Each structure stands twice: as C-alpha cells, then as structure tokens.
Amino acid sequence: MLDIKPLGDRVLIEQLEAEEKTASGIILPDSAKEKPQQAKVLEVGAGKVVDGKRVPLEIKKGDKVLISSYGGDEIKIDGKELKIIKEEDVLAIIK
C-alpha cells in the first residue's frame, strides 16, 4: 500500500463493513444496506493551525470511530476503498 499522510486536520480511514442481517435475522441485499458509520483510523494529519500554533488531533492511528454518513472524499488504493475526512466529520471515538 502507498504511504499516505493526510494534511492538516484530515484523517485517513477504512470504513468497517455494514451489517448484512437485521436484529431479527433478515438478510439485507447490498442496495438496502446503510453506509457504514464505523471506521478504523489508518493515519492522521499533523493538526490544524490556530493562531500560529499547531493543535494536534484528538484522534490517533488505530482508533475505531463513528463518522458522519456522507462526509469526506473516497479514494481507492491497491483495490481498497478508503476515505479522507476532516476531524470535524468524526462524531465519536469507540472505546
């Protein structure tokens, strides 16, 4: 895989697969699946510059996060679908 380092307050993520079954056991076709909102952080930028000082991101490489459904830019590298999003598109860190 290419070595990619996001700039500023951007984060490189890999979205985790959506559930294929409902809680009651109904199997969903691909067209009915929601976009996955959970993702794994692959790389983070250095942070945003505020008042001439760099503020590091709260997110770190390896974190599992909840993201906004439609934010960011999708990219494809070595057959993998990845996304670059801004830190503000991350809703929460999953502990």
N, C-alpha and C. Protein backbone atom coordinates (compact mmCIF):
# COMPACT_ATOMS: atom_id res chain seq x y z
N MET A 1 0.84 -1.18 0.00
CA MET A 1 0.00 0.00 0.00
C MET A 1 0.88 1.24 0.00
N LEU A 2 0.41 2.27 -0.66
CA LEU A 2 1.13 3.54 -0.69
C LEU A 2 1.19 4.14 0.71
N ASP A 3 2.24 4.88 0.97
CA ASP A 3 2.38 5.56 2.25
C ASP A 3 1.69 6.92 2.11
N ILE A 4 0.54 7.08 2.74
CA ILE A 4 -0.25 8.31 2.63
C ILE A 4 -0.30 9.00 3.98
N LYS A 5 0.03 10.28 4.01
CA LYS A 5 -0.03 11.09 5.22
C LYS A 5 -1.01 12.24 4.96
N PRO A 6 -2.19 12.21 5.60
CA PRO A 6 -3.14 13.31 5.41
C PRO A 6 -2.56 14.64 5.90
N LEU A 7 -3.00 15.73 5.31
CA LEU A 7 -2.53 17.05 5.69
C LEU A 7 -3.48 17.71 6.69
N GLY A 8 -2.94 18.57 7.52
CA GLY A 8 -3.74 19.37 8.45
C GLY A 8 -4.58 18.54 9.38
N ASP A 9 -5.89 18.85 9.38
CA ASP A 9 -6.82 18.16 10.30
C ASP A 9 -7.57 17.02 9.61
N ARG A 10 -6.96 16.44 8.60
CA ARG A 10 -7.60 15.34 7.87
C ARG A 10 -7.16 13.98 8.42
N VAL A 11 -8.04 12.98 8.21
CA VAL A 11 -7.84 11.64 8.75
C VAL A 11 -8.10 10.63 7.64
N LEU A 12 -7.21 9.64 7.49
CA LEU A 12 -7.40 8.56 6.52
C LEU A 12 -8.05 7.40 7.26
N ILE A 13 -9.22 6.95 6.76
CA ILE A 13 -9.96 5.89 7.43
C ILE A 13 -10.32 4.77 6.47
N GLU A 14 -10.61 3.62 7.05
CA GLU A 14 -11.17 2.50 6.31
C GLU A 14 -12.49 2.18 6.98
N GLN A 15 -13.59 2.30 6.22
CA GLN A 15 -14.90 2.04 6.78
C GLN A 15 -15.07 0.56 7.04
N LEU A 16 -15.68 0.24 8.16
CA LEU A 16 -15.94 -1.15 8.52
C LEU A 16 -17.22 -1.60 7.84
N GLU A 17 -17.33 -2.90 7.57
CA GLU A 17 -18.47 -3.44 6.82
C GLU A 17 -19.79 -3.22 7.55
N ALA A 18 -20.83 -2.96 6.77
CA ALA A 18 -22.18 -2.81 7.32
C ALA A 18 -22.74 -4.18 7.66
N GLU A 19 -23.67 -4.20 8.58
CA GLU A 19 -24.33 -5.45 8.96
C GLU A 19 -25.09 -6.02 7.77
N GLU A 20 -25.01 -7.33 7.59
CA GLU A 20 -25.71 -7.98 6.49
C GLU A 20 -27.07 -8.52 6.94
N LYS A 21 -27.30 -8.56 8.27
CA LYS A 21 -28.58 -9.06 8.79
C LYS A 21 -29.16 -8.04 9.77
N THR A 22 -30.48 -8.01 9.84
CA THR A 22 -31.14 -7.19 10.84
C THR A 22 -31.13 -7.94 12.16
N ALA A 23 -31.56 -7.28 13.22
CA ALA A 23 -31.61 -7.91 14.55
C ALA A 23 -32.54 -9.13 14.55
N SER A 24 -33.56 -9.10 13.69
CA SER A 24 -34.50 -10.23 13.63
C SER A 24 -34.04 -11.33 12.69
N GLY A 25 -32.87 -11.17 12.05
CA GLY A 25 -32.30 -12.21 11.22
C GLY A 25 -32.56 -12.10 9.73
N ILE A 26 -33.18 -11.01 9.28
CA ILE A 26 -33.44 -10.82 7.86
C ILE A 26 -32.14 -10.40 7.18
N ILE A 27 -31.77 -11.11 6.10
CA ILE A 27 -30.54 -10.79 5.36
C ILE A 27 -30.84 -9.65 4.39
N LEU A 28 -30.00 -8.60 4.43
CA LEU A 28 -30.21 -7.42 3.59
C LEU A 28 -29.41 -7.51 2.30
N PRO A 29 -30.02 -7.15 1.16
CA PRO A 29 -29.25 -7.06 -0.08
C PRO A 29 -28.36 -5.82 -0.03
N ASP A 30 -27.32 -5.77 -0.87
CA ASP A 30 -26.39 -4.64 -0.88
C ASP A 30 -27.10 -3.30 -1.04
N SER A 31 -28.15 -3.25 -1.85
CA SER A 31 -28.85 -1.99 -2.11
C SER A 31 -29.60 -1.47 -0.89
N ALA A 32 -29.91 -2.32 0.07
CA ALA A 32 -30.65 -1.91 1.26
C ALA A 32 -29.75 -1.58 2.44
N LYS A 33 -28.47 -1.88 2.33
CA LYS A 33 -27.55 -1.62 3.44
C LYS A 33 -27.29 -0.13 3.57
N GLU A 34 -27.20 0.33 4.81
CA GLU A 34 -26.82 1.72 5.05
C GLU A 34 -25.31 1.85 4.91
N LYS A 35 -24.87 3.07 4.62
CA LYS A 35 -23.42 3.31 4.60
C LYS A 35 -22.89 3.06 6.01
N PRO A 36 -21.79 2.33 6.13
CA PRO A 36 -21.26 2.07 7.48
C PRO A 36 -20.78 3.37 8.12
N GLN A 37 -21.05 3.49 9.40
CA GLN A 37 -20.64 4.69 10.11
C GLN A 37 -19.46 4.42 11.04
N GLN A 38 -19.03 3.17 11.14
CA GLN A 38 -17.87 2.86 11.95
C GLN A 38 -16.67 2.72 11.03
N ALA A 39 -15.53 3.20 11.51
CA ALA A 39 -14.32 3.15 10.70
C ALA A 39 -13.09 2.99 11.58
N LYS A 40 -12.03 2.50 10.96
CA LYS A 40 -10.74 2.38 11.64
C LYS A 40 -9.84 3.48 11.09
N VAL A 41 -9.16 4.18 11.98
CA VAL A 41 -8.26 5.26 11.59
C VAL A 41 -6.93 4.65 11.16
N LEU A 42 -6.53 4.90 9.91
CA LEU A 42 -5.28 4.38 9.38
C LEU A 42 -4.12 5.36 9.54
N GLU A 43 -4.43 6.66 9.44
CA GLU A 43 -3.38 7.69 9.55
C GLU A 43 -4.05 9.02 9.85
N VAL A 44 -3.34 9.89 10.55
CA VAL A 44 -3.87 11.22 10.86
C VAL A 44 -2.88 12.30 10.43
N GLY A 45 -3.42 13.48 10.16
CA GLY A 45 -2.59 14.62 9.82
C GLY A 45 -1.94 15.21 11.06
N ALA A 46 -1.13 16.24 10.86
CA ALA A 46 -0.39 16.87 11.97
C ALA A 46 -1.26 17.76 12.84
N GLY A 47 -2.43 18.16 12.34
CA GLY A 47 -3.33 19.02 13.11
C GLY A 47 -3.55 20.35 12.44
N LYS A 48 -4.52 21.08 12.95
CA LYS A 48 -4.90 22.38 12.41
C LYS A 48 -4.04 23.48 13.03
N VAL A 49 -3.76 24.51 12.25
CA VAL A 49 -3.01 25.66 12.77
C VAL A 49 -4.02 26.71 13.25
N VAL A 50 -3.93 27.05 14.56
CA VAL A 50 -4.81 28.04 15.16
C VAL A 50 -3.95 29.09 15.83
N ASP A 51 -4.12 30.35 15.44
CA ASP A 51 -3.33 31.47 15.98
C ASP A 51 -1.83 31.21 15.87
N GLY A 52 -1.40 30.63 14.76
CA GLY A 52 0.02 30.39 14.51
C GLY A 52 0.60 29.18 15.21
N LYS A 53 -0.22 28.44 15.95
CA LYS A 53 0.27 27.25 16.66
C LYS A 53 -0.48 26.03 16.15
N ARG A 54 0.22 24.93 15.98
CA ARG A 54 -0.40 23.70 15.51
C ARG A 54 -1.08 22.99 16.69
N VAL A 55 -2.37 22.68 16.49
CA VAL A 55 -3.15 21.97 17.50
C VAL A 55 -3.31 20.52 17.03
N PRO A 56 -2.72 19.55 17.75
CA PRO A 56 -2.81 18.15 17.32
C PRO A 56 -4.24 17.62 17.37
N LEU A 57 -4.51 16.59 16.59
CA LEU A 57 -5.83 15.98 16.57
C LEU A 57 -6.07 15.15 17.82
N GLU A 58 -7.34 15.02 18.21
CA GLU A 58 -7.70 14.17 19.35
C GLU A 58 -7.65 12.70 18.94
N ILE A 59 -7.81 12.44 17.66
CA ILE A 59 -7.86 11.07 17.13
C ILE A 59 -6.44 10.61 16.86
N LYS A 60 -6.20 9.30 17.06
CA LYS A 60 -4.88 8.77 16.73
C LYS A 60 -5.02 7.52 15.87
N LYS A 61 -3.93 7.16 15.23
CA LYS A 61 -3.88 5.99 14.38
C LYS A 61 -4.31 4.76 15.18
N GLY A 62 -5.19 3.93 14.59
CA GLY A 62 -5.65 2.72 15.25
C GLY A 62 -6.98 2.87 15.97
N ASP A 63 -7.44 4.11 16.19
CA ASP A 63 -8.73 4.33 16.86
C ASP A 63 -9.87 3.79 16.00
N LYS A 64 -10.93 3.34 16.66
CA LYS A 64 -12.17 2.97 15.99
C LYS A 64 -13.13 4.13 16.25
N VAL A 65 -13.74 4.67 15.19
CA VAL A 65 -14.53 5.89 15.32
C VAL A 65 -15.89 5.76 14.66
N LEU A 66 -16.80 6.64 15.06
CA LEU A 66 -18.08 6.83 14.39
C LEU A 66 -17.94 8.07 13.54
N ILE A 67 -18.36 7.97 12.27
CA ILE A 67 -18.20 9.11 11.37
C ILE A 67 -19.54 9.55 10.82
N SER A 68 -19.58 10.77 10.32
CA SER A 68 -20.74 11.30 9.63
C SER A 68 -20.97 10.48 8.36
N SER A 69 -22.20 10.21 8.02
CA SER A 69 -22.53 9.31 6.90
C SER A 69 -21.97 9.73 5.56
N TYR A 70 -22.01 11.01 5.24
CA TYR A 70 -21.69 11.41 3.87
C TYR A 70 -20.52 12.39 3.75
N GLY A 71 -19.71 12.54 4.79
CA GLY A 71 -18.58 13.45 4.72
C GLY A 71 -17.37 12.81 4.06
N GLY A 72 -16.41 13.61 3.68
CA GLY A 72 -15.13 13.11 3.19
C GLY A 72 -15.08 12.79 1.70
N ASP A 73 -13.89 12.38 1.29
CA ASP A 73 -13.62 12.03 -0.10
C ASP A 73 -13.18 10.58 -0.18
N GLU A 74 -13.83 9.82 -1.06
CA GLU A 74 -13.49 8.41 -1.22
C GLU A 74 -12.33 8.27 -2.19
N ILE A 75 -11.38 7.39 -1.85
CA ILE A 75 -10.25 7.09 -2.72
C ILE A 75 -10.08 5.57 -2.77
N LYS A 76 -9.45 5.10 -3.82
CA LYS A 76 -9.21 3.66 -3.96
C LYS A 76 -7.72 3.45 -4.14
N ILE A 77 -7.11 2.66 -3.25
CA ILE A 77 -5.68 2.39 -3.30
C ILE A 77 -5.46 0.90 -3.16
N ASP A 78 -4.74 0.32 -4.11
CA ASP A 78 -4.46 -1.11 -4.11
C ASP A 78 -5.73 -1.95 -3.93
N GLY A 79 -6.83 -1.53 -4.57
CA GLY A 79 -8.08 -2.26 -4.50
C GLY A 79 -8.89 -2.04 -3.23
N LYS A 80 -8.37 -1.24 -2.29
CA LYS A 80 -9.08 -0.95 -1.05
C LYS A 80 -9.78 0.39 -1.17
N GLU A 81 -11.03 0.44 -0.71
CA GLU A 81 -11.76 1.71 -0.69
C GLU A 81 -11.51 2.39 0.65
N LEU A 82 -10.89 3.55 0.60
CA LEU A 82 -10.57 4.32 1.79
C LEU A 82 -11.25 5.68 1.69
N LYS A 83 -11.19 6.44 2.77
CA LYS A 83 -11.80 7.75 2.79
C LYS A 83 -10.88 8.72 3.53
N ILE A 84 -10.82 9.96 3.04
CA ILE A 84 -10.11 11.01 3.76
C ILE A 84 -11.18 12.00 4.22
N ILE A 85 -11.25 12.19 5.54
CA ILE A 85 -12.25 13.07 6.12
C ILE A 85 -11.58 14.11 7.01
N LYS A 86 -12.32 15.17 7.32
CA LYS A 86 -11.83 16.16 8.28
C LYS A 86 -12.15 15.66 9.69
N GLU A 87 -11.37 16.13 10.64
CA GLU A 87 -11.60 15.72 12.03
C GLU A 87 -13.02 16.05 12.47
N GLU A 88 -13.59 17.13 11.98
CA GLU A 88 -14.95 17.52 12.38
C GLU A 88 -16.03 16.52 11.90
N ASP A 89 -15.68 15.65 10.92
CA ASP A 89 -16.62 14.63 10.46
C ASP A 89 -16.61 13.39 11.36
N VAL A 90 -15.69 13.34 12.32
CA VAL A 90 -15.65 12.24 13.27
C VAL A 90 -16.57 12.64 14.43
N LEU A 91 -17.56 11.78 14.69
CA LEU A 91 -18.54 12.08 15.72
C LEU A 91 -18.13 11.59 17.11
N ALA A 92 -17.40 10.45 17.17
CA ALA A 92 -17.02 9.89 18.45
C ALA A 92 -15.92 8.84 18.27
N ILE A 93 -15.18 8.60 19.33
CA ILE A 93 -14.20 7.52 19.37
C ILE A 93 -14.86 6.37 20.12
N ILE A 94 -14.80 5.17 19.56
CA ILE A 94 -15.40 4.00 20.20
C ILE A 94 -14.35 3.36 21.11
N LYS A 95 -14.67 3.23 22.37
CA LYS A 95 -13.73 2.66 23.36
C LYS A 95 -13.88 1.17 23.43
